[in-house]
Amino acid sequence: MAVPKKRTSKSRKGMRRSHDFLQFKAAVHICPECGELKLLHHICEACGTYRGQQVVDVE
């Protein structure tokens, strides 16, 4: 089994983990049909619309 020869520094560990806490705040948009939060360029999971057109039937 592979075992690290040297201890990982706090700086290197932090640089590796820097992407774990990213949040995509800019890519979130309010759906104009139902008002729920959705990702940009994605179908709304709550109402099933995309760009004002009903795409998926949601139960």
Protein backbone atom coordinates (compact mmCIF):
# COMPACT_ATOMS: atom_id res chain seq x y z
CA MET A 1 0.00 0.00 0.00
CA ALA A 2 1.27 3.48 -0.81
CA VAL A 3 2.24 5.58 2.18
CA PRO A 4 3.29 9.24 1.91
CA LYS A 5 6.98 9.85 2.66
CA LYS A 6 6.50 13.39 3.93
CA ARG A 7 3.75 15.17 5.79
CA THR A 8 1.42 17.34 3.69
CA SER A 9 1.72 20.99 4.74
CA LYS A 10 -1.32 23.06 5.76
CA SER A 11 -0.83 25.26 2.71
CA ARG A 12 -0.75 22.37 0.23
CA LYS A 13 -3.70 20.68 1.93
CA GLY A 14 -5.66 23.95 1.78
CA MET A 15 -4.85 24.47 -1.90
CA ARG A 16 -6.06 20.95 -2.68
CA ARG A 17 -9.31 21.47 -0.76
CA SER A 18 -10.00 24.96 -2.13
CA HIS A 19 -12.56 23.66 -4.67
CA ASP A 20 -14.52 21.70 -2.08
CA PHE A 21 -16.22 24.81 -0.70
CA LEU A 22 -17.05 26.61 -3.95
CA GLN A 23 -20.68 27.52 -4.39
CA PHE A 24 -22.17 28.39 -7.74
CA LYS A 25 -24.05 31.51 -6.71
CA ALA A 26 -23.84 33.17 -10.13
CA ALA A 27 -25.34 30.16 -11.93
CA VAL A 28 -28.55 30.19 -9.84
CA HIS A 29 -31.60 31.94 -11.27
CA ILE A 30 -35.22 32.36 -10.20
CA CYS A 31 -37.67 30.58 -12.48
CA PRO A 32 -40.09 33.13 -13.99
CA GLU A 33 -42.92 30.57 -14.08
CA CYS A 34 -42.95 29.22 -10.52
CA GLY A 35 -40.40 31.33 -8.62
CA GLU A 36 -38.19 28.43 -7.55
CA LEU A 37 -34.40 28.56 -7.74
CA LYS A 38 -32.88 26.75 -10.71
CA LEU A 39 -29.56 26.53 -12.51
CA LEU A 40 -29.10 28.68 -15.59
CA HIS A 41 -29.55 26.86 -18.91
CA HIS A 42 -31.33 23.97 -17.16
CA ILE A 43 -34.94 22.82 -17.00
CA CYS A 44 -36.74 23.91 -13.84
CA GLU A 45 -37.19 20.81 -11.66
CA ALA A 46 -40.23 22.25 -9.90
CA CYS A 47 -42.44 23.09 -12.89
CA GLY A 48 -40.63 21.49 -15.86
CA THR A 49 -40.33 24.63 -18.00
CA TYR A 50 -37.41 25.96 -20.02
CA ARG A 51 -37.40 29.47 -21.51
CA GLY A 52 -41.14 29.84 -21.02
CA GLN A 53 -42.11 26.54 -22.66
CA GLN A 54 -43.36 23.41 -20.91
CA VAL A 55 -40.75 20.73 -21.64
CA VAL A 56 -41.27 18.02 -19.02
CA ASP A 57 -44.49 16.95 -17.33
CA VAL A 58 -44.01 17.20 -13.57
CA GLU A 59 -46.36 15.32 -11.27
